[in-house]
Amino acid sequence: MSVNLPNAITSIRVALAPVVAFLLLQPTSHPRLLAFLVFLLAAISDLWDGQLARRRGQITDFGKIVDPVADKLLVLATLLPLYWIGLADPDLLPIPLYGGLPLWAIIVLLGREVVITTLRFAAAKRGTVVSASSVGKRKALAQNIFVGSAILLVALRTGARTGGWSGPFWEGFQHVHQWFTTVSLTVALALTLFSLVTYLAAFGRVFAGQEA
């Protein structure tokens, strides 16, 4: 019996989510840098497994359901630690315009995932599997870019604090990094709300007895 490699990659991504959270919550720079690398690996696998499933003809209902769930677990396992870190020590996660990672942004990002996951399982019980759409995938990519940027920002500022980094290069780099994080958060929030509307329309058709 051959192994469904795309589904195996998706399952590994599920397992990596708590690993990222654990590493991120460590108070030193090295575990936090490792958290960024593990997160990057998980995010890249999200781009790879779908393409692999289509190329190998191994698209399954398991993959359609678990793949977006794995994305949501990864977001949950990173946003909550990031929010806690920013709340406990705002200097580690300065995000221009937002003044840090605000609670309302967490509610928008995670609230959308709760709503869509609930509706996805409700549709599955009716025999309809609603897979990730193109706008949903763009939303996931935008969220991953923001989360990766935020994790790296925390890791580098933790290292700067303990290592005494200073000078014009470091100051300029972190200024650009902070504003990149702001832009990526803004894009992620916009796509999150837009994808919520499109998915609600799709699920409305499912529950009305039409195709998604």
Protein backbone atom coordinates (compact mmCIF):
# COMPACT_ATOMS: atom_id res chain seq x y z
CA MET A 1 0.00 0.00 0.00
CA SER A 2 1.57 3.28 -1.13
CA VAL A 3 1.84 6.22 1.24
CA ASN A 4 -0.11 9.35 0.35
CA LEU A 5 2.83 11.76 0.58
CA PRO A 6 0.78 15.00 0.45
CA ASN A 7 -1.39 13.82 3.36
CA ALA A 8 1.73 12.79 5.28
CA ILE A 9 3.20 16.28 4.81
CA THR A 10 -0.06 17.83 6.00
CA SER A 11 -0.01 15.61 9.10
CA ILE A 12 3.59 16.64 9.85
CA ARG A 13 2.52 20.29 9.62
CA VAL A 14 -0.13 19.60 12.27
CA ALA A 15 2.57 18.11 14.52
CA LEU A 16 4.90 21.10 13.98
CA ALA A 17 2.38 23.66 15.26
CA PRO A 18 2.89 22.97 19.01
CA VAL A 19 6.66 22.75 18.44
CA VAL A 20 6.68 26.30 17.07
CA ALA A 21 4.59 27.53 20.01
CA PHE A 22 6.89 25.86 22.55
CA LEU A 23 10.06 27.29 20.99
CA LEU A 24 8.56 30.76 20.64
CA LEU A 25 7.65 30.89 24.33
CA GLN A 26 11.24 30.30 25.38
CA PRO A 27 12.77 33.58 26.67
CA THR A 28 16.05 33.43 24.71
CA SER A 29 16.89 34.23 21.10
CA HIS A 30 18.13 30.83 19.88
CA PRO A 31 14.87 28.90 20.50
CA ARG A 32 12.94 31.79 18.97
CA LEU A 33 15.13 31.75 15.87
CA LEU A 34 14.56 27.99 15.70
CA ALA A 35 10.81 28.67 16.01
CA PHE A 36 11.08 30.90 12.94
CA LEU A 37 12.90 28.18 10.97
CA VAL A 38 10.37 25.50 11.96
CA PHE A 39 7.52 27.85 11.08
CA LEU A 40 9.16 28.59 7.73
CA LEU A 41 9.41 24.85 7.03
CA ALA A 42 5.74 24.36 7.90
CA ALA A 43 4.67 27.33 5.77
CA ILE A 44 6.66 26.08 2.77
CA SER A 45 5.14 22.62 3.18
CA ASP A 46 1.71 24.25 2.90
CA LEU A 47 2.65 25.51 -0.57
CA TRP A 48 4.14 22.17 -1.55
CA ASP A 49 1.62 19.55 -0.45
CA GLY A 50 -1.25 20.89 -2.53
CA GLN A 51 0.84 21.03 -5.70
CA LEU A 52 2.19 17.56 -4.95
CA ALA A 53 -1.31 16.15 -4.47
CA ARG A 54 -2.45 17.51 -7.83
CA ARG A 55 0.67 16.32 -9.64
CA ARG A 56 0.48 12.80 -8.16
CA GLY A 57 -3.30 12.53 -8.46
CA GLN A 58 -3.60 12.06 -4.69
CA ILE A 59 -6.27 14.61 -3.86
CA THR A 60 -8.42 13.16 -1.07
CA ASP A 61 -11.27 14.34 1.17
CA PHE A 62 -8.83 13.93 4.08
CA GLY A 63 -6.47 16.41 2.47
CA LYS A 64 -9.26 18.83 1.57
CA ILE A 65 -10.39 18.94 5.20
CA VAL A 66 -7.16 18.53 7.18
CA ASP A 67 -4.97 20.83 5.04
CA PRO A 68 -6.88 24.01 5.95
CA VAL A 69 -7.23 22.76 9.54
CA ALA A 70 -3.44 22.39 9.70
CA ASP A 71 -3.10 25.99 8.53
CA LYS A 72 -5.45 27.15 11.25
CA LEU A 73 -3.61 25.20 13.95
CA LEU A 74 -0.34 26.79 12.85
CA VAL A 75 -1.88 30.27 13.01
CA LEU A 76 -3.37 29.54 16.44
CA ALA A 77 -0.09 28.12 17.75
CA THR A 78 1.80 31.26 16.73
CA LEU A 79 -0.60 34.17 17.17
CA LEU A 80 -1.43 33.42 20.80
CA PRO A 81 2.25 33.19 21.92
CA LEU A 82 3.06 36.31 19.89
CA TYR A 83 0.22 38.20 21.56
CA TRP A 84 1.35 37.03 25.01
CA ILE A 85 4.96 38.04 24.28
CA GLY A 86 3.89 41.47 23.03
CA LEU A 87 1.66 41.95 26.05
CA ALA A 88 4.35 40.94 28.54
CA ASP A 89 7.14 42.89 26.83
CA PRO A 90 5.90 45.39 24.19
CA ASP A 91 9.45 46.32 23.19
CA LEU A 92 9.94 42.85 21.67
CA LEU A 93 7.10 43.23 19.16
CA PRO A 94 6.75 46.87 18.09
CA ILE A 95 4.40 47.13 15.10
CA PRO A 96 4.08 50.70 13.78
CA LEU A 97 0.54 52.09 13.45
CA TYR A 98 -0.87 49.20 15.49
CA GLY A 99 1.22 49.83 18.60
CA GLY A 100 2.02 46.13 18.89
CA LEU A 101 -0.17 43.14 18.08
CA PRO A 102 -3.67 44.29 19.09
CA LEU A 103 -6.27 41.99 20.58
CA TRP A 104 -8.85 42.98 17.96
CA ALA A 105 -6.51 41.78 15.19
CA ILE A 106 -6.15 38.42 16.95
CA ILE A 107 -9.95 38.20 17.18
CA VAL A 108 -10.35 38.95 13.46
CA LEU A 109 -7.67 36.48 12.36
CA LEU A 110 -8.69 33.63 14.67
CA GLY A 111 -12.42 34.38 14.62
CA ARG A 112 -12.52 33.91 10.86
CA GLU A 113 -10.81 30.53 11.25
CA VAL A 114 -13.30 29.38 13.90
CA VAL A 115 -16.28 30.38 11.76
CA ILE A 116 -14.99 28.78 8.54
CA THR A 117 -13.81 25.59 10.26
CA THR A 118 -17.21 25.15 11.94
CA LEU A 119 -19.02 25.65 8.64
CA ARG A 120 -16.59 23.34 6.81
CA PHE A 121 -17.29 20.46 9.21
CA ALA A 122 -21.03 21.17 9.09
CA ALA A 123 -20.90 20.96 5.29
CA ALA A 124 -18.85 17.75 5.49
CA LYS A 125 -21.59 16.18 7.61
CA ARG A 126 -23.98 16.96 4.75
CA GLY A 127 -21.63 15.14 2.36
CA THR A 128 -20.03 18.22 0.81
CA VAL A 129 -16.30 18.89 1.20
CA VAL A 130 -15.48 22.55 0.69
CA SER A 131 -11.77 22.76 -0.09
CA ALA A 132 -9.61 25.86 0.20
CA SER A 133 -10.31 28.45 -2.49
CA SER A 134 -7.77 30.64 -4.27
CA VAL A 135 -8.64 33.62 -2.07
CA GLY A 136 -8.35 31.39 1.00
CA LYS A 137 -4.89 30.31 -0.11
CA ARG A 138 -3.83 33.93 -0.66
CA LYS A 139 -5.14 34.73 2.80
CA ALA A 140 -3.13 31.87 4.28
CA LEU A 141 0.00 33.07 2.46
CA ALA A 142 -0.49 36.63 3.74
CA GLN A 143 -1.00 35.38 7.29
CA ASN A 144 2.11 33.21 7.06
CA ILE A 145 4.18 36.16 5.85
CA PHE A 146 2.97 38.31 8.74
CA VAL A 147 3.45 35.60 11.37
CA GLY A 148 6.91 34.71 10.04
CA SER A 149 7.91 38.37 10.07
CA ALA A 150 6.60 38.81 13.63
CA ILE A 151 8.40 35.69 14.91
CA LEU A 152 11.66 36.83 13.34
CA LEU A 153 11.19 40.33 14.77
CA VAL A 154 10.75 38.91 18.28
CA ALA A 155 13.76 36.60 17.85
CA LEU A 156 16.05 39.33 16.55
CA ARG A 157 15.02 41.91 19.16
CA THR A 158 15.54 39.27 21.86
CA GLY A 159 19.04 38.69 20.47
CA ALA A 160 19.71 42.42 20.23
CA ARG A 161 18.79 42.88 23.87
CA THR A 162 21.11 40.17 25.13
CA GLY A 163 23.87 40.84 22.59
CA GLY A 164 23.83 44.60 22.83
CA TRP A 165 23.36 45.13 19.09
CA SER A 166 23.54 48.76 17.99
CA GLY A 167 24.68 50.97 15.16
CA PRO A 168 23.08 52.44 12.03
CA PHE A 169 22.81 49.12 10.16
CA TRP A 170 20.86 47.43 12.95
CA GLU A 171 18.68 50.49 13.54
CA GLY A 172 17.88 50.79 9.84
CA PHE A 173 17.23 47.07 9.43
CA GLN A 174 14.83 46.82 12.34
CA HIS A 175 13.00 49.97 11.20
CA VAL A 176 12.36 48.39 7.78
CA HIS A 177 11.46 45.07 9.43
CA GLN A 178 8.91 46.69 11.72
CA TRP A 179 7.19 48.48 8.85
CA PHE A 180 7.22 45.30 6.75
CA THR A 181 5.43 43.60 9.64
CA THR A 182 2.86 46.41 9.69
CA VAL A 183 2.19 46.10 5.95
CA SER A 184 1.96 42.30 6.09
CA LEU A 185 -0.48 42.46 9.02
CA THR A 186 -2.65 44.97 7.14
CA VAL A 187 -2.73 42.77 4.03
CA ALA A 188 -3.47 39.67 6.13
CA LEU A 189 -6.39 41.40 7.88
CA ALA A 190 -7.84 42.64 4.58
CA LEU A 191 -7.62 39.22 2.92
CA THR A 192 -8.99 37.54 6.05
CA LEU A 193 -12.15 39.67 5.93
CA PHE A 194 -12.48 39.33 2.14
CA SER A 195 -12.09 35.55 2.26
CA LEU A 196 -14.64 35.36 5.08
CA VAL A 197 -17.24 37.01 2.84
CA THR A 198 -16.48 34.73 -0.13
CA TYR A 199 -16.59 31.57 2.01
CA LEU A 200 -19.85 32.61 3.65
CA ALA A 201 -21.35 32.95 0.18
CA ALA A 202 -20.02 29.50 -0.79
CA PHE A 203 -21.35 27.85 2.35
CA GLY A 204 -24.66 29.63 1.87
CA ARG A 205 -24.99 27.86 -1.49
CA VAL A 206 -24.05 24.52 0.11
CA PHE A 207 -26.67 24.80 2.83
CA ALA A 208 -29.22 25.97 0.30
CA GLY A 209 -28.66 22.71 -1.58
CA GLN A 210 -26.50 24.16 -4.35
CA GLU A 211 -22.89 23.43 -5.28
CA ALA A 212 -20.15 25.36 -3.43
